[in-house]
């Protein structure tokens, strides 16, 4: 493993491309979470990188997810709502820049992959990631039955039917990483729940009052039939273009210029702005702070949203019910 956080991160970025390439070879691509889990299993966190940040996410995991934006900018990775997809150039990059130093230099300098370099094909002994993980897990959990399993066909059948005792100490690296990610997700859920309950408590009282029957027994008149949903006090788009919106600094959810407005009819938070053509990154931050924020795929304290903008008016919408972001 490398000796610094930066070197480790570049090594994991290269591993991300390796894992995605293997998924393309097998025709069974992994989702973003599985890709990151496999990358961090192959290049484990150092003690410093394993430290949990305020959101319950390991320092190294947050660094890696943010750094994947470099792969997108290089044209080697495409991120979509259905998952991550490696491009042909991304597959070529795994061959063109085989060592970490060359890979990091090419990524930082924007070095193009040689056009005449063929897309790598799967080697003859290639084993898909999921199959390898399943095989390792089976080998680690099946007890040695010796010659008893070869006596008769019935004995074989009985051996298959008998549940194997699990041996946690020999779990596959991917499974360990998946468990770690699951624990992190539980920590995130526990951290967000008090915030959600607090918001619901503040909103419940006015709603109950509005629904109370009138003194004469008739139903109270309502202004609209729109269904409401507990909302935060404020929602901001905090990113590297806040100063273009007029804020004193970027990545600053506390300023008025970064705030979205709630549309009472569709319960969506919206903001429209004129932005020059370029590549931008941002997150959604609630209540003018970073205490509760959402990144790509609606992940709490997750990686940055990315915006490739051709110039002109852009409208950002945030749905607090689903944490979804739409941009047009």
Protein backbone atom coordinates (compact mmCIF):
# COMPACT_ATOMS: atom_id res chain seq x y z
CA UNK A 1 0.00 0.00 0.00
CA UNK A 2 1.13 3.59 -0.61
CA UNK A 3 2.60 5.75 2.13
CA UNK A 4 0.34 8.84 2.02
CA UNK A 5 -3.37 9.62 1.79
CA UNK A 6 -2.88 11.13 -1.68
CA UNK A 7 -1.02 8.06 -2.98
CA UNK A 8 -3.59 5.73 -1.43
CA UNK A 9 -6.41 7.72 -3.01
CA UNK A 10 -4.85 7.56 -6.49
CA UNK A 11 -4.27 3.83 -6.05
CA UNK A 12 -7.94 3.38 -5.11
CA UNK A 13 -9.04 5.50 -8.09
CA UNK A 14 -7.08 3.19 -10.37
CA UNK A 15 -8.63 0.22 -8.56
CA UNK A 16 -12.09 1.71 -9.16
CA UNK A 17 -11.36 1.59 -12.90
CA UNK A 18 -10.01 -1.95 -12.56
CA UNK A 19 -13.19 -3.09 -10.78
CA UNK A 20 -15.44 -1.38 -13.35
CA UNK A 21 -13.42 -2.97 -16.18
CA UNK A 22 -13.91 -6.40 -14.64
CA UNK A 23 -17.64 -5.66 -14.39
CA UNK A 24 -17.71 -4.77 -18.08
CA UNK A 25 -15.91 -8.02 -18.92
CA UNK A 26 -18.35 -10.14 -16.92
CA UNK A 27 -21.45 -8.33 -18.18
CA UNK A 28 -22.55 -8.03 -14.55
CA UNK A 29 -21.55 -4.49 -13.54
CA UNK A 30 -21.44 -3.51 -9.87
CA UNK A 31 -23.30 -0.53 -8.46
CA UNK A 32 -21.42 2.47 -7.06
CA UNK A 33 -21.49 1.18 -3.49
CA UNK A 34 -20.13 -2.22 -4.49
CA UNK A 35 -17.38 -0.62 -6.58
CA UNK A 36 -16.22 1.57 -3.69
CA UNK A 37 -16.44 -1.34 -1.26
CA UNK A 38 -14.32 -3.55 -3.52
CA UNK A 39 -11.77 -0.76 -4.09
CA UNK A 40 -11.36 -0.13 -0.36
CA UNK A 41 -11.15 -3.89 0.29
CA UNK A 42 -8.27 -4.20 -2.18
CA UNK A 43 -6.57 -1.04 -0.87
CA UNK A 44 -7.48 -0.95 2.85
CA UNK A 45 -7.64 2.26 4.86
CA UNK A 46 -4.73 3.28 7.04
CA UNK A 47 -5.60 3.96 10.72
CA UNK A 48 -5.83 7.69 9.95
CA UNK A 49 -8.07 7.09 6.92
CA UNK A 50 -10.30 4.74 8.95
CA UNK A 51 -11.16 7.49 11.47
CA UNK A 52 -14.86 8.37 11.35
CA UNK A 53 -15.82 11.94 10.51
CA UNK A 54 -18.78 13.77 12.04
CA UNK A 55 -21.19 12.14 9.59
CA UNK A 56 -20.03 8.62 10.56
CA UNK A 57 -18.14 8.13 7.28
CA UNK A 58 -14.47 7.00 7.28
CA UNK A 59 -12.10 9.81 6.27
CA UNK A 60 -10.63 7.73 3.44
CA UNK A 61 -14.07 6.87 2.03
CA UNK A 62 -15.09 10.51 1.83
CA UNK A 63 -11.76 11.42 0.20
CA UNK A 64 -12.21 8.66 -2.38
CA UNK A 65 -15.81 9.50 -3.29
CA UNK A 66 -14.89 13.16 -3.80
CA UNK A 67 -11.82 12.23 -5.85
CA UNK A 68 -13.87 10.15 -8.29
CA UNK A 69 -14.90 13.49 -9.83
CA UNK A 70 -11.44 13.49 -11.43
CA UNK A 71 -12.28 10.28 -13.27
CA UNK A 72 -15.45 11.90 -14.60
CA UNK A 73 -13.58 15.02 -15.67
CA UNK A 74 -11.01 12.88 -17.50
CA UNK A 75 -13.80 11.16 -19.43
CA UNK A 76 -12.98 7.77 -17.93
CA UNK A 77 -16.10 7.38 -15.81
CA UNK A 78 -19.77 8.27 -16.25
CA UNK A 79 -22.00 8.61 -13.20
CA UNK A 80 -25.72 8.15 -13.65
CA UNK A 81 -28.75 7.47 -11.49
CA UNK A 82 -28.55 3.80 -12.46
CA UNK A 83 -24.90 3.50 -11.42
CA UNK A 84 -21.35 4.07 -12.64
CA UNK A 85 -20.14 3.12 -16.11
CA UNK A 86 -16.54 2.99 -17.31
CA UNK A 87 -15.82 4.40 -20.78
CA UNK A 88 -13.58 2.82 -23.40
CA UNK A 89 -10.92 5.42 -22.57
CA UNK A 90 -11.27 4.50 -18.91
CA UNK A 91 -10.56 0.86 -19.74
CA UNK A 92 -7.61 1.88 -21.91
CA UNK A 93 -6.26 4.04 -19.06
CA UNK A 94 -5.81 0.95 -16.88
CA UNK A 95 -3.33 -0.33 -19.48
CA UNK A 96 -1.80 2.98 -20.63
CA UNK A 97 -0.91 4.04 -17.07
CA UNK A 98 -0.22 0.76 -15.27
CA UNK A 99 1.55 2.10 -12.17
CA UNK A 100 0.11 4.52 -9.63
CA UNK A 101 2.62 7.32 -10.28
CA UNK A 102 1.95 7.37 -14.03
CA UNK A 103 -1.79 7.11 -13.44
CA UNK A 104 -1.79 10.04 -10.98
CA UNK A 105 0.33 12.21 -13.27
CA UNK A 106 -1.92 11.52 -16.28
CA UNK A 107 -5.07 12.18 -14.27
CA UNK A 108 -3.80 15.50 -12.90
CA UNK A 109 -2.34 16.69 -16.20
CA UNK A 110 -5.29 15.59 -18.31
CA UNK A 111 -3.06 13.38 -20.44
CA UNK A 112 -5.16 11.70 -23.14
CA UNK A 113 -5.10 7.95 -23.55
CA UNK A 114 -3.35 6.92 -26.80
CA UNK A 115 -6.04 6.59 -29.46
CA UNK A 116 -4.41 3.54 -31.05
CA UNK A 117 -4.41 1.59 -27.78
CA UNK A 118 -7.01 -1.22 -27.97
CA UNK A 119 -9.63 -1.69 -25.28
CA UNK A 120 -8.30 -4.46 -23.02
CA UNK A 121 -10.07 -7.82 -23.24
CA UNK A 122 -10.66 -10.23 -20.39
CA UNK A 123 -7.77 -12.69 -19.83
CA UNK A 124 -8.42 -16.41 -20.15
CA UNK A 125 -8.26 -16.96 -16.38
CA UNK A 126 -10.56 -14.03 -15.53
CA UNK A 127 -13.00 -14.61 -12.65
CA UNK A 128 -15.81 -12.05 -12.09
CA UNK A 129 -15.73 -10.10 -8.82
CA UNK A 130 -19.00 -11.53 -7.52
CA UNK A 131 -18.02 -15.09 -8.46
CA UNK A 132 -14.63 -14.71 -6.79
CA UNK A 133 -16.22 -13.33 -3.63
CA UNK A 134 -18.80 -16.13 -3.57
CA UNK A 135 -16.14 -18.76 -4.14
CA UNK A 136 -13.98 -17.41 -1.34
CA UNK A 137 -16.93 -17.24 1.01
CA UNK A 138 -17.93 -20.84 0.19
CA UNK A 139 -14.39 -22.09 0.70
CA UNK A 140 -14.17 -20.35 4.06
CA UNK A 141 -17.50 -21.63 5.38
CA UNK A 142 -17.59 -25.27 4.17
CA UNK A 143 -16.08 -27.78 6.64
CA UNK A 144 -13.73 -30.48 5.45
CA UNK A 145 -15.84 -33.66 5.23
CA UNK A 146 -12.94 -35.88 4.15
CA UNK A 147 -13.65 -39.14 2.30
CA UNK A 148 -17.17 -39.43 3.73
CA UNK A 149 -18.52 -37.28 0.85
CA UNK A 150 -17.21 -39.68 -1.80
CA UNK A 151 -18.74 -42.94 -0.53
CA UNK A 152 -22.13 -42.74 -2.26
CA UNK A 153 -24.31 -40.33 -4.22
CA UNK A 154 -26.68 -40.17 -1.23
CA UNK A 155 -23.84 -39.11 1.02
CA UNK A 156 -22.98 -36.32 -1.43
CA UNK A 157 -26.58 -35.13 -1.43
CA UNK A 158 -26.70 -35.14 2.36
CA UNK A 159 -23.49 -33.12 2.48
CA UNK A 160 -24.96 -30.48 0.18
CA UNK A 161 -28.16 -30.26 2.22
CA UNK A 162 -26.38 -29.98 5.55
CA UNK A 163 -25.91 -26.28 6.43
CA UNK A 164 -22.23 -25.39 6.64
CA UNK A 165 -20.99 -23.71 9.80
CA UNK A 166 -19.86 -20.17 9.15
CA UNK A 167 -16.34 -19.08 9.95
CA UNK A 168 -16.45 -15.26 10.21
CA UNK A 169 -12.67 -15.02 10.49
CA UNK A 170 -12.27 -16.06 6.83
CA UNK A 171 -14.87 -13.81 5.15
CA UNK A 172 -14.00 -12.41 1.75
CA UNK A 173 -12.58 -8.86 1.72
CA UNK A 174 -15.58 -7.59 -0.27
CA UNK A 175 -17.98 -8.92 2.35
CA UNK A 176 -16.00 -7.21 5.11
CA UNK A 177 -16.13 -3.95 3.22
CA UNK A 178 -19.86 -4.34 2.62
CA UNK A 179 -20.41 -4.88 6.35
CA UNK A 180 -18.38 -1.75 7.11
CA UNK A 181 -20.43 0.27 4.62
CA UNK A 182 -23.62 -1.11 6.16
CA UNK A 183 -22.49 -0.05 9.62
CA UNK A 184 -21.64 3.38 8.32
CA UNK A 185 -25.08 3.65 6.72
CA UNK A 186 -26.69 2.71 10.06
CA UNK A 187 -24.67 5.41 11.80
CA UNK A 188 -25.84 7.92 9.21
CA UNK A 189 -29.46 6.83 9.66
CA UNK A 190 -29.17 7.18 13.44
CA UNK A 191 -27.62 10.62 13.07
CA UNK A 192 -30.31 11.89 10.68
CA UNK A 193 -33.30 10.48 12.58
CA UNK A 194 -33.22 13.08 15.45
CA UNK A 195 -33.16 15.86 12.85
CA UNK A 196 -36.15 14.41 11.04
CA UNK A 197 -38.08 13.95 14.30
CA UNK A 198 -37.33 17.52 15.32
CA UNK A 199 -38.62 18.85 12.01
CA UNK A 200 -41.76 16.74 12.24
CA UNK A 201 -42.40 17.93 15.79
CA UNK A 202 -42.17 21.58 14.75
CA UNK A 203 -44.53 21.02 11.82
CA UNK A 204 -47.05 18.75 13.58
CA UNK A 205 -48.58 21.39 15.86
CA UNK A 206 -49.72 23.86 13.12
CA UNK A 207 -51.08 20.99 11.03
CA UNK A 208 -53.12 19.61 13.94
CA UNK A 209 -54.52 23.06 14.64
CA UNK A 210 -55.53 23.53 11.01
CA UNK A 211 -57.34 20.19 10.95
CA UNK A 212 -59.32 20.84 14.15
CA UNK A 213 -63.12 21.08 13.56
CA UNK A 214 -64.82 24.43 13.85
CA UNK A 215 -66.80 25.26 16.99
CA UNK A 216 -70.13 24.88 15.16
CA UNK A 217 -69.21 21.34 14.11
CA UNK A 218 -68.58 22.13 10.45
CA UNK A 219 -65.35 21.26 8.72
CA UNK A 220 -62.88 24.17 8.55
CA UNK A 221 -62.30 25.83 5.21
CA UNK A 222 -58.95 25.08 3.58
CA UNK A 223 -57.09 27.30 1.15
CA UNK A 224 -55.84 24.41 -0.97
CA UNK A 225 -55.92 20.62 -1.12
CA UNK A 226 -52.14 20.34 -1.49
CA UNK A 227 -50.54 17.61 0.62
CA UNK A 228 -47.71 19.03 2.68
CA UNK A 229 -44.59 17.33 3.97
CA UNK A 230 -42.31 18.27 6.89
CA UNK A 231 -39.66 20.59 5.50
CA UNK A 232 -36.41 22.08 6.84
CA UNK A 233 -36.23 25.76 7.73
CA UNK A 234 -33.89 26.47 4.81
CA UNK A 235 -32.22 24.66 1.90
CA UNK A 236 -29.05 25.90 0.21
CA UNK A 237 -27.07 24.89 -2.84
CA UNK A 238 -23.50 25.11 -1.57
CA UNK A 239 -20.82 24.70 -4.21
CA UNK A 240 -17.99 26.18 -6.21
CA UNK A 241 -20.28 28.68 -7.96
CA UNK A 242 -21.76 30.50 -4.93
CA UNK A 243 -19.72 33.62 -5.68
CA UNK A 244 -21.27 33.71 -9.17
CA UNK A 245 -24.65 33.86 -7.42
CA UNK A 246 -23.42 36.86 -5.42
CA UNK A 247 -22.33 35.17 -2.18
CA UNK A 248 -19.10 36.37 -0.49
CA UNK A 249 -17.51 32.91 -0.79
CA UNK A 250 -18.00 29.44 -2.28
CA UNK A 251 -19.19 26.35 -0.42
CA UNK A 252 -21.07 28.61 1.98
CA UNK A 253 -24.63 27.45 2.85
CA UNK A 254 -25.16 30.29 5.35
CA UNK A 255 -25.60 33.10 2.81
CA UNK A 256 -28.93 34.28 1.39
CA UNK A 257 -27.60 34.08 -2.16
CA UNK A 258 -27.23 30.28 -1.85
CA UNK A 259 -30.79 29.60 -0.65
CA UNK A 260 -33.52 27.78 -2.57
CA UNK A 261 -37.21 28.70 -2.28
CA UNK A 262 -39.95 26.21 -1.40
CA UNK A 263 -42.78 25.85 -3.91
CA UNK A 264 -45.84 25.17 -1.75
CA UNK A 265 -47.71 23.48 -4.59
CA UNK A 266 -45.28 20.73 -5.55
CA UNK A 267 -43.26 20.80 -2.29
CA UNK A 268 -39.98 21.25 -4.17
CA UNK A 269 -37.16 23.62 -3.29
CA UNK A 270 -35.97 25.54 -6.37
CA UNK A 271 -33.43 28.07 -7.56
CA UNK A 272 -32.65 29.35 -11.05
CA UNK A 273 -29.44 31.14 -11.98
CA UNK A 274 -27.31 32.19 -14.93
CA UNK A 275 -24.05 30.25 -14.99
CA UNK A 276 -21.20 30.40 -17.51
CA UNK A 277 -20.34 27.21 -19.35
CA UNK A 278 -18.18 24.96 -17.20
CA UNK A 279 -17.90 22.04 -14.82
CA UNK A 280 -19.30 22.66 -11.32
CA UNK A 281 -19.71 20.74 -8.07
CA UNK A 282 -22.15 21.30 -5.22
CA UNK A 283 -24.11 19.79 -2.35
CA UNK A 284 -27.49 20.46 -0.78
CA UNK A 285 -27.15 21.80 2.79
CA UNK A 286 -30.04 22.27 5.20
CA UNK A 287 -30.71 25.07 7.69
CA UNK A 288 -27.74 27.22 6.60
CA UNK A 289 -25.08 24.81 7.90
CA UNK A 290 -23.20 21.62 6.99
CA UNK A 291 -24.72 19.71 9.92
CA UNK A 292 -27.16 17.99 7.55
CA UNK A 293 -26.17 17.84 3.90
CA UNK A 294 -26.82 15.56 0.94
CA UNK A 295 -24.57 14.68 -1.97
CA UNK A 296 -24.85 12.51 -5.06
CA UNK A 297 -27.66 9.91 -5.07
CA UNK A 298 -29.20 11.67 -2.05
CA UNK A 299 -26.48 10.30 0.24
CA UNK A 300 -26.14 11.98 3.62
CA UNK A 301 -22.74 13.74 3.67
CA UNK A 302 -22.05 11.97 0.37
CA UNK A 303 -19.88 12.85 -2.64
CA UNK A 304 -20.42 16.10 -4.52
CA UNK A 305 -23.09 16.55 -7.16
CA UNK A 306 -21.53 17.28 -10.54
CA UNK A 307 -22.85 19.70 -13.16
CA UNK A 308 -21.52 19.87 -16.72
CA UNK A 309 -23.15 23.09 -17.93
CA UNK A 310 -23.19 24.49 -21.43
CA UNK A 311 -23.90 28.02 -20.23
CA UNK A 312 -27.12 29.98 -19.60
CA UNK A 313 -29.96 29.51 -17.13
CA UNK A 314 -29.87 26.45 -14.92
CA UNK A 315 -32.62 25.39 -12.49
CA UNK A 316 -31.87 23.17 -9.52
CA UNK A 317 -34.73 21.39 -7.72
CA UNK A 318 -34.51 19.52 -4.44
CA UNK A 319 -37.19 17.13 -3.14
CA UNK A 320 -36.82 16.71 0.62
CA UNK A 321 -39.15 13.70 0.59
CA UNK A 322 -36.72 11.65 -1.50
CA UNK A 323 -33.52 13.77 -1.31
CA UNK A 324 -33.56 13.75 -5.15
CA UNK A 325 -31.94 16.53 -7.16
CA UNK A 326 -33.01 17.48 -10.68
CA UNK A 327 -31.18 19.95 -12.89
CA UNK A 328 -32.26 21.51 -16.16
